[in-house]
PDB file of N, CA and C in Angstrom:
ATOM      1  N   UNK A   1     -23.541  14.710 -63.299  1.00  0.00           N
ATOM      2  CA  UNK A   1     -22.847  14.155 -62.109  1.00  0.00           C
ATOM      3  C   UNK A   1     -23.077  15.158 -60.768  1.00  0.00           C
ATOM      4  N   UNK A   2     -22.812  14.758 -59.584  1.00  0.00           N
ATOM      5  CA  UNK A   2     -23.177  15.577 -58.313  1.00  0.00           C
ATOM      6  C   UNK A   2     -22.431  16.780 -58.469  1.00  0.00           C
ATOM      7  N   UNK A   3     -21.028  16.750 -58.880  1.00  0.00           N
ATOM      8  CA  UNK A   3     -20.126  17.878 -58.862  1.00  0.00           C
ATOM      9  C   UNK A   3     -20.698  18.591 -59.810  1.00  0.00           C
ATOM     10  N   UNK A   4     -20.984  18.637 -61.042  1.00  0.00           N
ATOM     11  CA  UNK A   4     -21.501  19.144 -62.215  1.00  0.00           C
ATOM     12  C   UNK A   4     -22.902  19.974 -61.690  1.00  0.00           C
ATOM     13  N   UNK A   5     -23.548  19.466 -61.216  1.00  0.00           N
ATOM     14  CA  UNK A   5     -24.825  20.097 -60.424  1.00  0.00           C
ATOM     15  C   UNK A   5     -24.313  20.903 -59.361  1.00  0.00           C
ATOM     16  N   UNK A   6     -23.277  20.691 -58.579  1.00  0.00           N
ATOM     17  CA  UNK A   6     -23.056  21.756 -57.394  1.00  0.00           C
ATOM     18  C   UNK A   6     -22.419  22.818 -58.093  1.00  0.00           C
ATOM     19  N   UNK A   7     -21.221  22.645 -59.043  1.00  0.00           N
ATOM     20  CA  UNK A   7     -20.846  23.927 -59.760  1.00  0.00           C
ATOM     21  C   UNK A   7     -21.672  24.467 -60.553  1.00  0.00           C
ATOM     22  N   UNK A   8     -22.779  24.121 -61.189  1.00  0.00           N
ATOM     23  CA  UNK A   8     -23.518  24.843 -61.679  1.00  0.00           C
ATOM     24  C   UNK A   8     -24.735  25.732 -60.709  1.00  0.00           C
ATOM     25  N   UNK A   9     -24.690  25.128 -59.569  1.00  0.00           N
ATOM     26  CA  UNK A   9     -25.818  26.028 -58.439  1.00  0.00           C
ATOM     27  C   UNK A   9     -24.905  26.946 -57.928  1.00  0.00           C
ATOM     28  N   UNK A  10     -23.488  26.799 -57.851  1.00  0.00           N
ATOM     29  CA  UNK A  10     -22.664  27.559 -57.109  1.00  0.00           C
ATOM     30  C   UNK A  10     -22.189  28.832 -58.305  1.00  0.00           C
ATOM     31  N   UNK A  11     -22.454  28.617 -59.299  1.00  0.00           N
ATOM     32  CA  UNK A  11     -22.329  29.648 -60.559  1.00  0.00           C
ATOM     33  C   UNK A  11     -23.393  30.492 -61.033  1.00  0.00           C
ATOM     34  N   UNK A  12     -24.453  30.444 -60.523  1.00  0.00           N
ATOM     35  CA  UNK A  12     -25.637  31.152 -60.961  1.00  0.00           C
ATOM     36  C   UNK A  12     -25.444  32.695 -60.988  1.00  0.00           C
ATOM     37  N   UNK A  13     -25.726  33.361 -62.113  1.00  0.00           N
ATOM     38  CA  UNK A  13     -25.372  34.707 -62.028  1.00  0.00           C
ATOM     39  C   UNK A  13     -25.929  35.903 -60.887  1.00  0.00           C
ATOM     40  N   UNK A  14     -27.379  35.263 -60.468  1.00  0.00           N
ATOM     41  CA  UNK A  14     -28.120  35.934 -59.477  1.00  0.00           C
ATOM     42  C   UNK A  14     -27.073  35.969 -57.842  1.00  0.00           C
ATOM     43  N   UNK A  15     -26.350  34.808 -57.847  1.00  0.00           N
ATOM     44  CA  UNK A  15     -25.763  34.752 -56.378  1.00  0.00           C
ATOM     45  C   UNK A  15     -24.391  35.771 -56.720  1.00  0.00           C
ATOM     46  N   UNK A  16     -23.964  35.595 -57.686  1.00  0.00           N
ATOM     47  CA  UNK A  16     -22.766  36.836 -57.911  1.00  0.00           C
ATOM     48  C   UNK A  16     -23.494  38.329 -57.498  1.00  0.00           C
ATOM     49  N   UNK A  17     -24.308  38.416 -58.377  1.00  0.00           N
ATOM     50  CA  UNK A  17     -25.070  39.785 -58.072  1.00  0.00           C
ATOM     51  C   UNK A  17     -25.538  39.843 -56.526  1.00  0.00           C
ATOM     52  N   UNK A  18     -26.095  39.244 -55.982  1.00  0.00           N
ATOM     53  CA  UNK A  18     -26.269  39.396 -54.343  1.00  0.00           C
ATOM     54  C   UNK A  18     -25.246  39.401 -53.810  1.00  0.00           C
ATOM     55  N   UNK A  19     -24.118  38.871 -53.884  1.00  0.00           N
ATOM     56  CA  UNK A  19     -22.895  38.573 -53.337  1.00  0.00           C
ATOM     57  C   UNK A  19     -22.301  40.406 -53.312  1.00  0.00           C
ATOM     58  N   UNK A  20     -21.845  40.843 -54.532  1.00  0.00           N
ATOM     59  CA  UNK A  20     -21.561  42.026 -54.931  1.00  0.00           C
ATOM     60  C   UNK A  20     -22.301  43.115 -54.547  1.00  0.00           C
ATOM     61  N   UNK A  21     -23.564  43.149 -54.362  1.00  0.00           N
ATOM     62  CA  UNK A  21     -24.582  44.134 -53.644  1.00  0.00           C
ATOM     63  C   UNK A  21     -24.319  44.093 -52.544  1.00  0.00           C
ATOM     64  N   UNK A  22     -24.224  43.120 -51.659  1.00  0.00           N
ATOM     65  CA  UNK A  22     -24.044  42.965 -50.226  1.00  0.00           C
ATOM     66  C   UNK A  22     -22.770  43.427 -49.890  1.00  0.00           C
ATOM     67  N   UNK A  23     -21.567  43.233 -50.747  1.00  0.00           N
ATOM     68  CA  UNK A  23     -20.327  43.432 -50.487  1.00  0.00           C
ATOM     69  C   UNK A  23     -20.288  45.271 -50.638  1.00  0.00           C
ATOM     70  N   UNK A  24     -20.839  45.659 -51.714  1.00  0.00           N
ATOM     71  CA  UNK A  24     -21.042  47.160 -51.764  1.00  0.00           C
ATOM     72  C   UNK A  24     -21.754  47.666 -50.642  1.00  0.00           C
ATOM     73  N   UNK A  25     -22.997  47.220 -50.159  1.00  0.00           N
ATOM     74  CA  UNK A  25     -23.613  47.731 -48.893  1.00  0.00           C
ATOM     75  C   UNK A  25     -22.747  47.690 -47.697  1.00  0.00           C
ATOM     76  N   UNK A  26     -21.931  46.824 -47.596  1.00  0.00           N
ATOM     77  CA  UNK A  26     -21.091  46.886 -46.583  1.00  0.00           C
ATOM     78  C   UNK A  26     -19.784  47.721 -46.414  1.00  0.00           C
ATOM     79  N   UNK A  27     -19.190  47.975 -47.571  1.00  0.00           N
ATOM     80  CA  UNK A  27     -18.206  48.795 -47.893  1.00  0.00           C
ATOM     81  C   UNK A  27     -18.575  50.316 -47.527  1.00  0.00           C
ATOM     82  N   UNK A  28     -19.960  50.727 -47.886  1.00  0.00           N
ATOM     83  CA  UNK A  28     -20.539  52.028 -47.723  1.00  0.00           C
ATOM     84  C   UNK A  28     -20.888  52.076 -46.207  1.00  0.00           C
ATOM     85  N   UNK A  29     -21.292  50.904 -45.635  1.00  0.00           N
ATOM     86  CA  UNK A  29     -21.987  51.123 -44.218  1.00  0.00           C
ATOM     87  C   UNK A  29     -20.604  51.537 -43.118  1.00  0.00           C
ATOM     88  N   UNK A  30     -19.472  50.747 -43.526  1.00  0.00           N
ATOM     89  CA  UNK A  30     -18.186  50.735 -42.764  1.00  0.00           C
ATOM     90  C   UNK A  30     -17.180  51.980 -43.247  1.00  0.00           C
ATOM     91  N   UNK A  31     -17.853  52.580 -44.387  1.00  0.00           N
ATOM     92  CA  UNK A  31     -16.928  53.597 -44.952  1.00  0.00           C
ATOM     93  C   UNK A  31     -15.395  52.890 -45.487  1.00  0.00           C
ATOM     94  N   UNK A  32     -15.470  52.103 -46.226  1.00  0.00           N
ATOM     95  CA  UNK A  32     -14.321  51.261 -46.453  1.00  0.00           C
ATOM     96  C   UNK A  32     -13.863  51.635 -47.782  1.00  0.00           C
ATOM     97  N   UNK A  33     -13.023  52.165 -48.043  1.00  0.00           N
ATOM     98  CA  UNK A  33     -12.503  52.526 -49.484  1.00  0.00           C
ATOM     99  C   UNK A  33     -12.158  51.091 -50.499  1.00  0.00           C
ATOM    100  N   UNK A  34     -12.387  51.225 -51.738  1.00  0.00           N
ATOM    101  CA  UNK A  34     -12.568  50.083 -52.564  1.00  0.00           C
ATOM    102  C   UNK A  34     -10.931  49.703 -52.752  1.00  0.00           C
ATOM    103  N   UNK A  35     -10.080  50.737 -52.823  1.00  0.00           N
ATOM    104  CA  UNK A  35      -8.526  50.337 -53.079  1.00  0.00           C
ATOM    105  C   UNK A  35      -7.934  49.859 -51.940  1.00  0.00           C
ATOM    106  N   UNK A  36      -8.634  49.706 -50.846  1.00  0.00           N
ATOM    107  CA  UNK A  36      -8.166  48.813 -49.803  1.00  0.00           C
ATOM    108  C   UNK A  36      -8.346  47.227 -49.810  1.00  0.00           C
ATOM    109  N   UNK A  37      -9.160  46.859 -50.613  1.00  0.00           N
ATOM    110  CA  UNK A  37      -9.624  45.591 -50.811  1.00  0.00           C
ATOM    111  C   UNK A  37      -8.689  45.088 -51.977  1.00  0.00           C
ATOM    112  N   UNK A  38      -8.045  43.968 -51.282  1.00  0.00           N
ATOM    113  CA  UNK A  38      -6.894  43.588 -52.394  1.00  0.00           C
ATOM    114  C   UNK A  38      -6.849  42.103 -52.508  1.00  0.00           C
ATOM    115  N   UNK A  39      -7.412  41.234 -51.121  1.00  0.00           N
ATOM    116  CA  UNK A  39      -7.865  40.100 -51.189  1.00  0.00           C
ATOM    117  C   UNK A  39      -9.484  39.850 -50.990  1.00  0.00           C
ATOM    118  N   UNK A  40     -10.251  39.766 -51.920  1.00  0.00           N
ATOM    119  CA  UNK A  40     -11.430  39.869 -51.911  1.00  0.00           C
ATOM    120  C   UNK A  40     -12.161  38.916 -50.667  1.00  0.00           C
ATOM    121  N   UNK A  41     -11.491  37.551 -50.793  1.00  0.00           N
ATOM    122  CA  UNK A  41     -12.019  36.456 -49.986  1.00  0.00           C
ATOM    123  C   UNK A  41     -11.728  36.647 -48.501  1.00  0.00           C
ATOM    124  N   UNK A  42     -10.626  37.118 -48.143  1.00  0.00           N
ATOM    125  CA  UNK A  42     -10.282  37.364 -46.833  1.00  0.00           C
ATOM    126  C   UNK A  42     -11.137  38.727 -46.160  1.00  0.00           C
ATOM    127  N   UNK A  43     -11.187  39.811 -47.003  1.00  0.00           N
ATOM    128  CA  UNK A  43     -11.964  40.866 -46.715  1.00  0.00           C
ATOM    129  C   UNK A  43     -13.467  40.536 -46.490  1.00  0.00           C
ATOM    130  N   UNK A  44     -13.790  39.796 -47.670  1.00  0.00           N
ATOM    131  CA  UNK A  44     -15.204  39.624 -47.658  1.00  0.00           C
ATOM    132  C   UNK A  44     -15.719  38.938 -46.055  1.00  0.00           C
ATOM    133  N   UNK A  45     -14.743  37.981 -45.979  1.00  0.00           N
ATOM    134  CA  UNK A  45     -15.003  37.084 -44.669  1.00  0.00           C
ATOM    135  C   UNK A  45     -14.959  38.082 -43.570  1.00  0.00           C
ATOM    136  N   UNK A  46     -13.968  38.891 -43.430  1.00  0.00           N
ATOM    137  CA  UNK A  46     -13.668  39.744 -42.159  1.00  0.00           C
ATOM    138  C   UNK A  46     -15.011  40.883 -42.036  1.00  0.00           C
ATOM    139  N   UNK A  47     -15.620  41.354 -43.203  1.00  0.00           N
ATOM    140  CA  UNK A  47     -16.804  42.142 -43.103  1.00  0.00           C
ATOM    141  C   UNK A  47     -17.901  41.391 -42.633  1.00  0.00           C
ATOM    142  N   UNK A  48     -18.245  40.266 -42.981  1.00  0.00           N
ATOM    143  CA  UNK A  48     -19.307  39.230 -42.539  1.00  0.00           C
ATOM    144  C   UNK A  48     -19.038  38.995 -41.089  1.00  0.00           C
ATOM    145  N   UNK A  49     -18.128  38.789 -40.458  1.00  0.00           N
ATOM    146  CA  UNK A  49     -17.631  38.551 -38.964  1.00  0.00           C
ATOM    147  C   UNK A  49     -18.067  39.906 -38.294  1.00  0.00           C
ATOM    148  N   UNK A  50     -17.620  41.110 -39.002  1.00  0.00           N
ATOM    149  CA  UNK A  50     -17.795  42.440 -38.297  1.00  0.00           C
ATOM    150  C   UNK A  50     -19.293  42.491 -37.986  1.00  0.00           C
ATOM    151  N   UNK A  51     -19.956  42.168 -39.221  1.00  0.00           N
ATOM    152  CA  UNK A  51     -21.472  42.669 -39.343  1.00  0.00           C
ATOM    153  C   UNK A  51     -22.270  41.837 -38.426  1.00  0.00           C
ATOM    154  N   UNK A  52     -21.834  40.521 -37.998  1.00  0.00           N
ATOM    155  CA  UNK A  52     -22.330  39.625 -37.025  1.00  0.00           C
ATOM    156  C   UNK A  52     -22.114  40.023 -35.721  1.00  0.00           C
ATOM    157  N   UNK A  53     -20.766  40.949 -35.532  1.00  0.00           N
ATOM    158  CA  UNK A  53     -20.599  41.300 -34.130  1.00  0.00           C
ATOM    159  C   UNK A  53     -21.284  42.696 -33.508  1.00  0.00           C
ATOM    160  N   UNK A  54     -21.744  43.292 -34.637  1.00  0.00           N
ATOM    161  CA  UNK A  54     -22.679  44.864 -34.525  1.00  0.00           C
ATOM    162  C   UNK A  54     -23.969  44.385 -34.431  1.00  0.00           C
TER     163      UNK A  54
END
């Protein structure tokens, strides 16, 4: 079904790898310590907003 296809596409391992590599680079770029990240969804969104502003 369409839902199964979308679920499969959303869970490809390379997408996870790209996301966490991007996140790690932003943490280094802005000198954010990993122990301050307690809600990855909101923090990840915030980092993406900040990166668009700079």
